[in-house]
Structures are given as structure tokens and as C-alpha cells.
Amino acid sequence: MPFEATINAFAAALGEPSAAPPAMTRGRLGAPDARRFSVYRNNVAVGLIGALEARYPISRRIAGDDAFRALARAFVRAQKPRSPVMIAYGEDFPEFVAAHAGAEPCLPDVARLENAWVEAYHAEDAPAATIGALAELNPDCLPGTRIAFHPAARLLRFSTPAASIWASRQGGDGSAAPVQAMAEEALVSRPDSEVRVRILPPLGYEFALSLREGATLAEAALGLDDAEFDFGTHLVGLVESGAVASLIPGSPS
């Protein structure tokens, strides 16, 4: 059998608990050894489940150990690693949870936040713009200024108070502060190599998303069409959070 076909057959048998050991895997007696292969298969599954537990610790606390491991084991059977780098495994887990969790409506959103945290932690290094750089902008250039976001920045919109729930579960004693049941939006950033999660104020998500999609500061602010929108507060908040890599001045008006 060609080597690639051998590897594919071996991987397929690893992912299916009821599958017989591949014919090309032989033990000391020169025949397929179902017991030894089962031990190896289980070790692989345990390793992948452990990777998910490390990536989604708050989701595990919310679901409970048994329920989380059942979800994780089902995910491991359905989704094989696409990279030998284990930190890349499990990025699709929040979507899987959304399709299979059911009982905890906040669980998929909390998992999305945890995944964004991991992505931000491992994102490309880059300097972040400072308030000083914002202050040095020519006021005449401000309306046409665009923003380049930091590679670690992540914008998230939830149908649940996922960011507050995530923050309330950070203590190791299992206790959690009560959280008001309302939808939230969050910004994940990594200033000074420290990942931070910021719950965005009203209209903050729309403003940041418009800027991320290429709008100028003036276009993003005017596009909200809200008299209560405080342009300066939102812009300063984005810069202070470390979500902005650079400010690209516009032409003087």
C-alpha cells in the first residue's frame, strides 16, 4: 500500500472507536494487535481533549467536567487536527458547541471569547499606537484618518452577556458574580503582551467594525447617525486598549 494511503487508513482508524486496527499495524506476533492499538487510540483522544480543556477553561467550568468532556470527545471524533501544532487545534469548537450544547445558551459565546483570547495571545507581534500619536495628528487631517488594527485585535458580538460571565468565572473557587442577562459586544486586544477583554459601550462595536472595514473616522462616526455618540471617547478607548497598530492620516480638509 502506498505510504499516503497507509497514513490515511491509520488516521481513519484512530478516529473511529469501533474500527479494527489497520492491517499494516502489527504487534510482536506479526498480526494486528487490537488491544495495543486501542490504547494508542485512547491516548490520542485524551491528548486532544486535554488540548480543548486548556483552550476553553471557563467553558469547561460552565458546562461541568463530564458534559464538557462529552462535547470534547464528540468534537475530537468529528474534527481531526489539521496541523501538527496543537495550539491550532480547536478553533472550530465554538461552532460545534453551538450545534450540540443546547442547555447552556451562553456556552457557545463564552467559547467564542476564549478562542479569540487564544488567537490574540498567539497573534503576530506589532507595536500599538499610543494616545501621544493620536494627539499629534493634525486636526485638519483627523476626519479622513483611517485606522490599521493590531493583528491581535478581535471584535465580538454576543447574544448573551458572555464577556461578563467569562470575567465573573476567572476566580479559581468556582464562585461567580451574578450577571445581568443582556447581549454584549467585546474587544479582545494584546497591549504590552497581555491579552485583555473589554466590554464595549453602546455603538462601540459598530464604530470599530466600520473602521476595520476601511472607513475614515468621519465616515464611521457619521454612519452611526446617533446624536449621543461620543466620537472622542470611543476613539480614545480603541487606542488605549491597544487595538490600533497605526493611525493613517487623511488629507487636510
Protein backbone atom coordinates (compact mmCIF):
# COMPACT_ATOMS: atom_id res chain seq x y z
CA MET A 1 0.00 0.00 0.00
CA PRO A 2 1.39 3.49 -0.84
CA PHE A 3 2.66 5.43 2.17
CA GLU A 4 -0.01 8.16 1.90
CA ALA A 5 -2.80 5.57 1.78
CA THR A 6 -1.26 3.84 4.79
CA ILE A 7 -1.24 7.09 6.78
CA ASN A 8 -4.83 7.87 5.78
CA ALA A 9 -6.03 4.42 6.84
CA PHE A 10 -4.15 4.70 10.14
CA ALA A 11 -5.65 8.14 10.87
CA ALA A 12 -9.16 6.98 9.96
CA ALA A 13 -8.90 4.03 12.35
CA LEU A 14 -7.63 6.31 15.13
CA GLY A 15 -10.71 8.47 14.82
CA GLU A 16 -13.29 5.69 14.84
CA PRO A 17 -13.55 3.80 18.16
CA SER A 18 -15.31 0.81 16.59
CA ALA A 19 -12.81 0.40 13.75
CA ALA A 20 -10.46 -2.57 13.69
CA PRO A 21 -6.73 -1.83 13.79
CA PRO A 22 -5.30 -1.27 10.30
CA ALA A 23 -3.86 -4.38 8.72
CA MET A 24 -0.44 -2.77 8.35
CA THR A 25 -0.05 -2.24 12.11
CA ARG A 26 1.38 -5.37 13.64
CA GLY A 27 2.40 -6.31 17.15
CA ARG A 28 5.08 -8.68 18.38
CA LEU A 29 3.24 -11.69 16.94
CA GLY A 30 3.27 -10.21 13.44
CA ALA A 31 -0.51 -9.58 13.38
CA PRO A 32 -2.69 -6.53 14.07
CA ASP A 33 -2.93 -6.03 17.83
CA ALA A 34 -6.37 -4.61 18.68
CA ARG A 35 -5.57 -4.09 22.37
CA ARG A 36 -2.40 -2.11 21.80
CA PHE A 37 -3.99 -0.05 19.04
CA SER A 38 -6.96 0.71 21.31
CA VAL A 39 -4.61 2.05 23.98
CA TYR A 40 -2.89 4.28 21.42
CA ARG A 41 -6.24 5.46 20.02
CA ASN A 42 -7.41 6.37 23.52
CA ASN A 43 -4.16 8.23 24.26
CA VAL A 44 -4.63 10.33 21.12
CA ALA A 45 -8.21 11.17 22.09
CA VAL A 46 -7.19 12.05 25.65
CA GLY A 47 -4.46 14.34 24.33
CA LEU A 48 -6.86 16.20 22.02
CA ILE A 49 -9.49 16.51 24.75
CA GLY A 50 -6.80 17.90 27.04
CA ALA A 51 -5.92 20.49 24.39
CA LEU A 52 -9.57 21.60 24.32
CA GLU A 53 -9.72 21.75 28.12
CA ALA A 54 -6.65 24.00 28.12
CA ARG A 55 -8.07 26.26 25.39
CA TYR A 56 -11.56 26.56 26.92
CA PRO A 57 -11.18 26.50 30.75
CA ILE A 58 -14.16 28.77 31.52
CA SER A 59 -16.42 26.88 29.12
CA ARG A 60 -15.44 23.74 30.99
CA ARG A 61 -16.38 25.31 34.32
CA ILE A 62 -19.76 26.41 32.99
CA ALA A 63 -20.63 23.08 31.37
CA GLY A 64 -19.14 20.92 34.11
CA ASP A 65 -16.35 18.39 33.63
CA ASP A 66 -18.47 15.48 32.45
CA ALA A 67 -20.60 17.47 29.98
CA PHE A 68 -17.57 19.31 28.62
CA ARG A 69 -15.59 16.13 28.08
CA ALA A 70 -18.56 14.54 26.33
CA LEU A 71 -18.71 17.54 23.97
CA ALA A 72 -14.94 17.48 23.54
CA ARG A 73 -14.87 13.75 22.77
CA ALA A 74 -17.61 14.19 20.15
CA PHE A 75 -15.67 17.07 18.63
CA VAL A 76 -12.46 15.03 18.55
CA ARG A 77 -14.26 12.29 16.61
CA ALA A 78 -15.69 14.82 14.16
CA GLN A 79 -12.71 17.17 13.74
CA LYS A 80 -9.19 15.88 13.25
CA PRO A 81 -6.19 18.17 13.70
CA ARG A 82 -5.20 19.97 10.52
CA SER A 83 -1.80 20.98 11.87
CA PRO A 84 0.89 19.28 13.99
CA VAL A 85 0.92 22.47 16.12
CA MET A 86 -1.50 21.74 18.94
CA ILE A 87 -2.23 25.40 19.76
CA ALA A 88 -4.07 25.50 16.43
CA TYR A 89 -6.46 22.70 17.40
CA GLY A 90 -9.99 23.52 18.48
CA GLU A 91 -10.66 26.83 16.74
CA ASP A 92 -13.93 25.38 15.37
CA PHE A 93 -15.07 24.16 18.78
CA PRO A 94 -17.42 27.15 19.50
CA GLU A 95 -19.46 26.39 16.35
CA PHE A 96 -19.61 22.73 17.35
CA VAL A 97 -20.80 23.69 20.83
CA ALA A 98 -23.49 25.94 19.34
CA ALA A 99 -24.83 22.99 17.35
CA HIS A 100 -24.68 20.44 20.18
CA ALA A 101 -24.70 22.11 23.63
CA GLY A 102 -28.34 23.13 23.95
CA ALA A 103 -28.70 23.52 27.72
CA GLU A 104 -26.38 26.49 28.32
CA PRO A 105 -27.22 29.34 25.92
CA CYS A 106 -24.13 31.32 26.95
CA LEU A 107 -21.70 28.44 26.37
CA PRO A 108 -21.08 28.96 22.61
CA ASP A 109 -20.48 32.69 23.15
CA VAL A 110 -18.09 32.11 26.05
CA ALA A 111 -16.24 29.56 23.90
CA ARG A 112 -16.00 32.13 21.10
CA LEU A 113 -14.47 34.61 23.53
CA GLU A 114 -11.97 32.07 24.83
CA ASN A 115 -10.99 31.17 21.28
CA ALA A 116 -10.47 34.86 20.46
CA TRP A 117 -8.32 35.15 23.61
CA VAL A 118 -6.08 32.32 22.42
CA GLU A 119 -5.88 33.78 18.90
CA ALA A 120 -4.94 37.18 20.31
CA TYR A 121 -2.29 35.62 22.56
CA HIS A 122 -0.60 33.89 19.61
CA ALA A 123 -1.12 36.65 17.04
CA GLU A 124 1.72 38.37 15.24
CA ASP A 125 3.74 40.87 17.25
CA ALA A 126 3.35 44.52 16.28
CA PRO A 127 3.65 47.88 18.02
CA ALA A 128 0.46 49.56 19.15
CA ALA A 129 -0.43 53.20 18.55
CA THR A 130 -0.40 55.47 21.59
CA ILE A 131 -2.53 58.35 22.80
CA GLY A 132 0.51 60.51 22.06
CA ALA A 133 0.35 59.55 18.40
CA LEU A 134 -3.35 60.41 18.37
CA ALA A 135 -2.68 63.79 19.98
CA GLU A 136 -0.02 64.59 17.36
CA LEU A 137 -2.48 64.22 14.47
CA ASN A 138 -3.18 67.44 12.57
CA PRO A 139 -6.83 68.29 13.39
CA ASP A 140 -7.39 69.08 9.70
CA CYS A 141 -6.36 65.52 8.83
CA LEU A 142 -8.49 63.86 11.52
CA PRO A 143 -11.77 63.39 9.55
CA GLY A 144 -10.02 61.49 6.75
CA THR A 145 -7.80 59.43 9.05
CA ARG A 146 -8.05 55.66 8.82
CA ILE A 147 -7.02 53.05 11.34
CA ALA A 148 -4.89 49.95 10.92
CA PHE A 149 -5.87 47.46 13.59
CA HIS A 150 -3.36 45.45 15.59
CA PRO A 151 -3.02 41.80 14.44
CA ALA A 152 -4.18 40.65 17.88
CA ALA A 153 -7.39 42.72 17.92
CA ARG A 154 -10.66 40.78 17.80
CA LEU A 155 -14.21 42.21 17.69
CA LEU A 156 -17.00 40.01 19.04
CA ARG A 157 -20.78 40.38 19.19
CA PHE A 158 -22.73 38.09 21.50
CA SER A 159 -26.41 37.37 22.04
CA THR A 160 -25.62 36.73 25.73
CA PRO A 161 -23.59 38.54 28.45
CA ALA A 162 -20.67 36.28 27.57
CA ALA A 163 -17.88 38.73 28.44
CA SER A 164 -19.33 39.43 31.89
CA ILE A 165 -19.85 35.71 32.50
CA TRP A 166 -16.28 34.99 31.39
CA ALA A 167 -14.93 37.69 33.72
CA SER A 168 -17.04 36.51 36.66
CA ARG A 169 -15.67 32.97 36.32
CA GLN A 170 -11.99 33.88 36.49
CA GLY A 171 -11.71 33.02 40.19
CA GLY A 172 -10.49 29.53 40.90
CA ASP A 173 -13.01 28.83 43.67
CA GLY A 174 -15.88 28.15 41.27
CA SER A 175 -17.89 31.14 42.50
CA ALA A 176 -19.36 33.61 40.03
CA ALA A 177 -20.86 37.04 40.47
CA PRO A 178 -24.43 37.49 39.21
CA VAL A 179 -24.58 38.79 35.66
CA GLN A 180 -27.37 40.80 34.11
CA ALA A 181 -28.94 38.92 31.21
CA MET A 182 -28.27 41.12 28.21
CA ALA A 183 -26.36 40.90 24.95
CA GLU A 184 -22.80 42.20 24.93
CA GLU A 185 -20.06 43.17 22.49
CA ALA A 186 -16.38 42.89 23.29
CA LEU A 187 -12.94 43.85 22.09
CA VAL A 188 -10.01 41.50 22.67
CA SER A 189 -6.58 43.08 22.41
CA ARG A 190 -3.00 42.43 23.50
CA PRO A 191 -1.21 45.59 24.64
CA ASP A 192 2.24 45.02 26.15
CA SER A 193 1.95 41.25 25.54
CA GLU A 194 -1.05 40.95 27.89
CA VAL A 195 -4.39 39.84 26.47
CA ARG A 196 -7.29 42.00 27.64
CA VAL A 197 -11.04 41.74 27.17
CA ARG A 198 -13.02 44.97 27.11
CA ILE A 199 -16.81 45.11 27.08
CA LEU A 200 -17.68 47.74 24.50
CA PRO A 201 -20.09 50.59 25.26
CA PRO A 202 -23.19 51.08 23.07
CA LEU A 203 -22.25 51.73 19.42
CA GLY A 204 -18.61 50.82 20.14
CA TYR A 205 -18.80 47.62 18.10
CA GLU A 206 -20.40 49.33 15.09
CA PHE A 207 -17.82 52.14 15.20
CA ALA A 208 -14.84 49.80 15.45
CA LEU A 209 -16.19 47.43 12.81
CA SER A 210 -16.72 50.28 10.35
CA LEU A 211 -13.13 51.42 10.91
CA ARG A 212 -11.85 47.89 10.49
CA GLU A 213 -13.65 47.64 7.17
CA GLY A 214 -11.79 50.72 5.91
CA ALA A 215 -13.98 53.71 6.77
CA THR A 216 -12.39 57.02 7.72
CA LEU A 217 -13.03 58.38 11.20
CA ALA A 218 -15.60 60.80 9.81
CA GLU A 219 -17.36 58.10 7.79
CA ALA A 220 -17.50 55.73 10.76
CA ALA A 221 -18.92 58.40 13.08
CA LEU A 222 -21.45 59.81 10.62
CA GLY A 223 -22.57 56.33 9.62
CA LEU A 224 -23.91 55.73 13.13
CA ASP A 225 -26.36 58.65 12.84
CA ASP A 226 -26.75 58.93 16.62
CA ALA A 227 -26.68 62.27 18.43
CA GLU A 228 -25.49 60.60 21.66
CA PHE A 229 -22.44 59.01 20.06
CA ASP A 230 -19.27 60.42 21.67
CA PHE A 231 -16.67 60.20 18.92
CA GLY A 232 -13.69 61.20 21.09
CA THR A 233 -14.44 58.74 23.88
CA HIS A 234 -14.78 55.80 21.50
CA LEU A 235 -11.65 56.68 19.54
CA VAL A 236 -9.53 57.16 22.65
CA GLY A 237 -10.89 53.89 24.05
CA LEU A 238 -9.80 51.98 20.95
CA VAL A 239 -6.30 53.43 21.08
CA GLU A 240 -5.91 52.96 24.86
CA SER A 241 -6.99 49.32 24.53
CA GLY A 242 -4.01 48.56 22.28
CA ALA A 243 -6.28 47.54 19.39
CA VAL A 244 -4.81 50.11 16.98
CA ALA A 245 -1.49 49.41 15.26
CA SER A 246 -1.25 52.74 13.45
CA LEU A 247 -3.16 55.87 12.51
CA ILE A 248 -3.10 56.72 8.81
CA PRO A 249 -3.65 60.49 8.44
CA GLY A 250 -6.04 61.73 5.83
CA SER A 251 -5.54 64.73 3.55
CA PRO A 252 -6.04 68.13 5.19
CA SER A 253 -9.64 69.28 4.81
